[in-house]
Amino acid sequence: MQHVLNHAGALLIGGESFAREVHERLGTAMERFTIVPGAVDTDRFTPADSMRAGPVRLFYHGRVDRRKGVLDMIEALPTVAGEWRCTISGIGPDLDAARALTEERGLGARVTFSGYADYDDVPALYRDHDVFVSPTYAEGFSNTILEAMASGQAVLSCEAVGVVDCLRDGENGLLVRPGDVPALAKSLTRLVNDAALRERLGATALEECRRVYSWHAVGAQIIGVYRSLLGSVPCREFAQNIPVESCRYRAEPHLL
C-alpha cells in the first residue's frame, strides 16, 4: 500500500476527512491527495413532482448494519414527536436484530422493512419519501447521501468521516454525533414537524448536488487529473516483489 501511496502519479480520494484518516494511519502527506468526491446520476435521481400530504415519510436505505446506525435510528424513533412513518430498505447482517428491536419498541405499525431493492427501483423509493436518515459511524463517501440529495430530500446524518465532506449542519442537512440517540430523536422531531426546514435543506442539497456531485461535474474533474499527467514519466522504483500486507477487508469482506 505504501508503495502506491508514495509513488503513484496522482492519489484520488473522496474527501478531506478520509484523506486525513489515511494520513494519520499511514503517514501519507496530505498534499499527495487530490480530492475527487463521489458522484451520482442526477438524471436518474430526481425530486418528486410535488409535496405530499399525510405523515412525514422517513427513509433509511442501504446496508442494514449497526455500523451504519440503523439500530440507533430505531432506538430514537419512539420519542420522535409528530406524524411520521419510516421505511428501512436493504439487507445486511443486522436485519434480524433491527426487526426484533422494532417489535420490542412497539414500532411495528409505523416502521416497514422493504427488503432488497433493485437498483432500477431505487430512484422511485427516494421520491416516495421526505427525509433520508443515515446515522452512520463512518463512510468512504456515501453514495446513498448523494442519491438522497439528488432526490431533493432533507438529510439527517452524523459528524463522521466521509459525511462531513458533503454535509454541513444546518445548511444542506442536519448532523449529530454518531451513536447519540437523544440528539438523533431531537433532530428527527425537528424535521418531522418543520416543513419549511425540510424544504430548505432539501433545496440547498439538491442545488449543490447537481453543481458539485453530478457525474458530469465529477467526470470533468477526473478527466482534468488525467490530462495533468499526460507526458509524465511513471515511477519505476517499485520493488520487484511487493509484499502483500494483511487486510482486514480480505478477512472480513462483509465490512465493505
Protein backbone atom coordinates (compact mmCIF):
# COMPACT_ATOMS: atom_id res chain seq x y z
CA MET A 1 0.00 0.00 0.00
CA GLN A 2 2.77 2.45 0.90
CA HIS A 3 4.42 1.84 -2.49
CA VAL A 4 1.28 3.00 -4.26
CA LEU A 5 0.62 5.94 -1.95
CA ASN A 6 4.19 7.21 -2.20
CA HIS A 7 4.80 6.77 -5.92
CA ALA A 8 1.52 6.99 -7.86
CA GLY A 9 1.25 9.92 -10.25
CA ALA A 10 -1.91 11.06 -8.51
CA LEU A 11 -3.89 9.94 -5.48
CA LEU A 12 -7.61 10.49 -5.81
CA ILE A 13 -9.67 10.29 -2.63
CA GLY A 14 -13.28 11.07 -1.84
CA GLY A 15 -12.90 13.75 0.81
CA GLU A 16 -10.60 15.62 3.15
CA SER A 17 -11.79 13.73 6.23
CA PHE A 18 -10.95 10.39 4.60
CA ALA A 19 -7.59 11.74 3.40
CA ARG A 20 -6.81 12.92 6.92
CA GLU A 21 -7.61 9.45 8.27
CA VAL A 22 -5.20 7.85 5.76
CA HIS A 23 -2.59 10.48 6.65
CA GLU A 24 -2.92 9.73 10.36
CA ARG A 25 -2.81 5.95 9.89
CA LEU A 26 -0.19 5.61 7.16
CA GLY A 27 1.67 8.91 7.18
CA THR A 28 0.89 9.86 3.58
CA ALA A 29 1.40 13.60 3.12
CA MET A 30 -1.87 15.49 2.72
CA GLU A 31 -0.56 17.34 -0.34
CA ARG A 32 -0.31 14.00 -2.15
CA PHE A 33 -4.10 13.73 -2.30
CA THR A 34 -6.44 15.16 -4.91
CA ILE A 35 -9.97 15.41 -3.56
CA VAL A 36 -12.42 13.92 -6.05
CA PRO A 37 -15.80 13.27 -4.40
CA GLY A 38 -18.29 10.55 -5.11
CA ALA A 39 -20.78 11.16 -7.89
CA VAL A 40 -24.45 10.49 -8.56
CA ASP A 41 -26.53 10.27 -11.71
CA THR A 42 -28.64 13.40 -11.32
CA ASP A 43 -30.61 12.44 -14.42
CA ARG A 44 -31.93 9.29 -12.71
CA PHE A 45 -32.19 10.54 -9.14
CA THR A 46 -34.63 13.45 -9.22
CA PRO A 47 -37.10 15.03 -6.77
CA ALA A 48 -40.79 14.18 -6.55
CA ASP A 49 -43.06 16.38 -8.63
CA SER A 50 -44.91 17.79 -5.62
CA MET A 51 -45.12 17.82 -1.83
CA ARG A 52 -47.16 15.02 -0.24
CA ALA A 53 -49.83 15.32 2.39
CA GLY A 54 -50.04 13.00 5.37
CA PRO A 55 -47.36 11.66 7.71
CA VAL A 56 -43.76 12.60 7.04
CA ARG A 57 -42.02 9.64 5.45
CA LEU A 58 -38.59 8.80 6.88
CA PHE A 59 -36.27 6.66 4.78
CA TYR A 60 -33.25 4.51 5.59
CA HIS A 61 -31.70 2.84 2.55
CA GLY A 62 -28.53 0.81 2.49
CA ARG A 63 -26.78 -1.95 4.36
CA VAL A 64 -28.77 -2.92 7.45
CA ASP A 65 -25.79 -2.88 9.77
CA ARG A 66 -25.31 -1.45 13.26
CA ARG A 67 -22.19 0.35 11.99
CA LYS A 68 -24.49 2.28 9.68
CA GLY A 69 -26.51 3.39 12.70
CA VAL A 70 -29.76 1.67 11.80
CA LEU A 71 -30.23 0.34 15.35
CA ASP A 72 -29.61 3.84 16.73
CA MET A 73 -32.34 5.16 14.46
CA ILE A 74 -34.81 2.54 15.67
CA GLU A 75 -33.93 3.36 19.29
CA ALA A 76 -34.62 7.05 18.58
CA LEU A 77 -37.96 6.61 16.83
CA PRO A 78 -40.20 6.01 19.90
CA THR A 79 -39.51 9.55 21.17
CA VAL A 80 -39.91 11.29 17.80
CA ALA A 81 -42.94 13.57 18.11
CA GLY A 82 -45.39 14.18 15.29
CA GLU A 83 -46.91 12.19 12.47
CA TRP A 84 -44.40 10.01 10.69
CA ARG A 85 -43.82 6.65 9.07
CA CYS A 86 -40.44 5.02 8.42
CA THR A 87 -39.17 2.66 5.73
CA ILE A 88 -35.99 0.62 6.20
CA SER A 89 -34.78 -0.52 2.78
CA GLY A 90 -32.00 -3.03 2.31
CA ILE A 91 -30.48 -6.17 3.74
CA GLY A 92 -27.47 -6.86 5.91
CA PRO A 93 -26.01 -8.66 8.91
CA ASP A 94 -28.25 -6.89 11.45
CA LEU A 95 -31.57 -7.19 9.64
CA ASP A 96 -32.96 -9.69 12.14
CA ALA A 97 -31.74 -7.57 15.07
CA ALA A 98 -33.36 -4.49 13.52
CA ARG A 99 -36.67 -6.29 13.05
CA ALA A 100 -36.58 -7.59 16.62
CA LEU A 101 -35.76 -4.16 18.07
CA THR A 102 -38.59 -2.61 16.07
CA GLU A 103 -41.06 -5.03 17.66
CA GLU A 104 -39.57 -4.59 21.13
CA ARG A 105 -40.04 -0.81 20.87
CA GLY A 106 -43.65 -1.18 19.69
CA LEU A 107 -42.94 0.34 16.28
CA GLY A 108 -44.37 -2.42 14.07
CA ALA A 109 -47.27 -0.28 12.84
CA ARG A 110 -45.06 2.67 11.85
CA VAL A 111 -41.89 1.02 10.51
CA THR A 112 -41.80 -1.02 7.29
CA PHE A 113 -38.94 -3.24 6.18
CA SER A 114 -38.99 -3.26 2.40
CA GLY A 115 -36.08 -5.66 1.84
CA TYR A 116 -33.64 -5.73 -1.03
CA ALA A 117 -34.19 -3.08 -3.71
CA ASP A 118 -33.14 -3.48 -7.34
CA TYR A 119 -31.06 -0.52 -8.45
CA ASP A 120 -33.60 0.39 -11.13
CA ASP A 121 -36.28 0.75 -8.43
CA VAL A 122 -34.25 2.88 -6.03
CA PRO A 123 -34.91 6.37 -7.51
CA ALA A 124 -38.67 5.89 -7.07
CA LEU A 125 -38.10 4.82 -3.45
CA TYR A 126 -36.36 8.09 -2.68
CA ARG A 127 -39.13 10.07 -4.37
CA ASP A 128 -41.71 8.31 -2.20
CA HIS A 129 -40.11 9.70 0.99
CA ASP A 130 -39.40 13.06 2.58
CA VAL A 131 -36.39 12.66 4.90
CA PHE A 132 -33.33 10.49 4.43
CA VAL A 133 -31.76 9.17 7.63
CA SER A 134 -28.16 7.92 7.60
CA PRO A 135 -26.86 7.80 11.20
CA THR A 136 -23.63 6.16 10.11
CA TYR A 137 -20.42 5.90 12.12
CA ALA A 138 -18.09 6.26 9.10
CA GLU A 139 -18.11 6.24 5.30
CA GLY A 140 -15.64 6.41 2.46
CA PHE A 141 -18.04 8.66 0.60
CA SER A 142 -21.74 7.99 0.98
CA ASN A 143 -23.47 7.21 -2.30
CA THR A 144 -26.83 6.98 -0.56
CA ILE A 145 -26.49 10.50 0.85
CA LEU A 146 -25.73 11.80 -2.65
CA GLU A 147 -28.74 9.93 -4.03
CA ALA A 148 -30.93 11.49 -1.35
CA MET A 149 -29.54 14.96 -2.06
CA ALA A 150 -30.20 14.49 -5.79
CA SER A 151 -33.74 13.43 -4.90
CA GLY A 152 -34.35 16.69 -3.05
CA GLN A 153 -34.67 15.06 0.37
CA ALA A 154 -33.73 16.64 3.67
CA VAL A 155 -30.85 14.54 5.03
CA LEU A 156 -30.05 13.69 8.66
CA SER A 157 -26.68 12.05 9.22
CA CYS A 158 -23.68 12.09 11.57
CA GLU A 159 -20.46 14.02 12.09
CA ALA A 160 -18.48 11.14 10.66
CA VAL A 161 -15.63 10.54 8.23
CA GLY A 162 -16.97 10.62 4.69
CA VAL A 163 -20.12 12.54 5.70
CA VAL A 164 -18.73 15.89 6.85
CA ASP A 165 -17.15 16.30 3.40
CA CYS A 166 -20.56 16.75 1.75
CA LEU A 167 -22.96 17.79 4.55
CA ARG A 168 -22.83 20.90 6.73
CA ASP A 169 -25.08 21.05 9.75
CA GLY A 170 -27.98 23.43 9.30
CA GLU A 171 -27.01 24.32 5.72
CA ASN A 172 -27.65 21.32 3.47
CA GLY A 173 -28.52 18.75 6.13
CA LEU A 174 -28.57 18.07 9.85
CA LEU A 175 -25.72 16.33 11.67
CA VAL A 176 -25.50 14.68 15.09
CA ARG A 177 -22.70 12.81 16.80
CA PRO A 178 -22.53 9.10 15.90
CA GLY A 179 -24.36 7.00 18.47
CA ASP A 180 -26.11 9.97 20.11
CA VAL A 181 -29.65 8.58 20.17
CA PRO A 182 -31.27 11.52 22.06
CA ALA A 183 -29.78 14.00 19.59
CA LEU A 184 -30.96 11.83 16.71
CA ALA A 185 -34.50 11.81 18.12
CA LYS A 186 -34.43 15.58 18.61
CA SER A 187 -33.30 16.22 15.03
CA LEU A 188 -35.86 13.78 13.64
CA THR A 189 -38.56 15.61 15.58
CA ARG A 190 -37.43 18.91 14.08
CA LEU A 191 -37.59 17.51 10.57
CA VAL A 192 -40.96 15.83 11.08
CA ASN A 193 -42.60 18.98 12.42
CA ASP A 194 -40.94 21.72 10.36
CA ALA A 195 -41.91 21.55 6.69
CA ALA A 196 -40.04 24.78 5.91
CA LEU A 197 -36.82 23.30 7.32
CA ARG A 198 -37.24 20.14 5.25
CA GLU A 199 -37.85 22.17 2.13
CA ARG A 200 -34.89 24.49 2.70
CA LEU A 201 -32.41 21.71 3.45
CA GLY A 202 -33.64 19.63 0.52
CA ALA A 203 -33.47 22.52 -1.95
CA THR A 204 -29.96 23.54 -0.85
CA ALA A 205 -28.71 19.95 -1.05
CA LEU A 206 -30.27 19.46 -4.47
CA GLU A 207 -28.65 22.56 -5.96
CA GLU A 208 -25.24 21.65 -4.54
CA CYS A 209 -25.53 18.04 -5.64
CA ARG A 210 -26.27 18.98 -9.24
CA ARG A 211 -23.44 21.51 -9.27
CA VAL A 212 -20.73 19.54 -7.47
CA TYR A 213 -21.58 15.82 -7.36
CA SER A 214 -23.22 15.06 -10.71
CA TRP A 215 -21.49 12.57 -12.98
CA HIS A 216 -20.87 15.44 -15.38
CA ALA A 217 -19.08 17.59 -12.78
CA VAL A 218 -17.02 14.83 -11.19
CA GLY A 219 -16.22 13.24 -14.55
CA ALA A 220 -14.80 16.54 -15.78
CA GLN A 221 -12.66 16.75 -12.65
CA ILE A 222 -11.25 13.26 -13.19
CA ILE A 223 -10.51 13.99 -16.84
CA GLY A 224 -8.58 17.05 -15.68
CA VAL A 225 -6.43 14.91 -13.40
CA TYR A 226 -5.57 12.52 -16.24
CA ARG A 227 -4.75 15.42 -18.54
CA SER A 228 -2.37 16.83 -15.94
CA LEU A 229 -0.46 13.52 -16.02
CA LEU A 230 -0.05 13.41 -19.80
CA GLY A 231 3.63 13.28 -20.69
CA SER A 232 4.74 12.48 -17.14
CA VAL A 233 7.05 9.54 -16.52
CA PRO A 234 5.65 6.95 -14.12
CA CYS A 235 7.77 5.97 -11.14
CA ARG A 236 9.85 2.85 -11.72
CA GLU A 237 11.23 2.48 -8.22
CA PHE A 238 8.86 -0.27 -7.19
CA ALA A 239 10.36 -3.42 -5.73
CA GLN A 240 10.08 -6.46 -7.98
CA ASN A 241 8.24 -8.39 -5.29
CA ILE A 242 5.89 -6.15 -3.35
CA PRO A 243 4.90 -7.83 -0.07
CA VAL A 244 1.19 -8.47 0.38
CA GLU A 245 0.17 -6.86 3.64
CA SER A 246 -2.67 -8.15 5.76
CA CYS A 247 -6.00 -6.51 5.03
CA ARG A 248 -8.99 -6.59 7.36
CA TYR A 249 -11.37 -6.46 4.40
CA ARG A 250 -9.92 -9.62 2.87
CA ALA A 251 -10.52 -11.45 6.13
CA GLU A 252 -13.91 -9.83 6.70
CA PRO A 253 -15.36 -8.84 3.30
CA HIS A 254 -18.74 -8.15 4.90
CA LEU A 255 -17.24 -4.92 6.27
CA LEU A 256 -17.16 -3.43 2.77
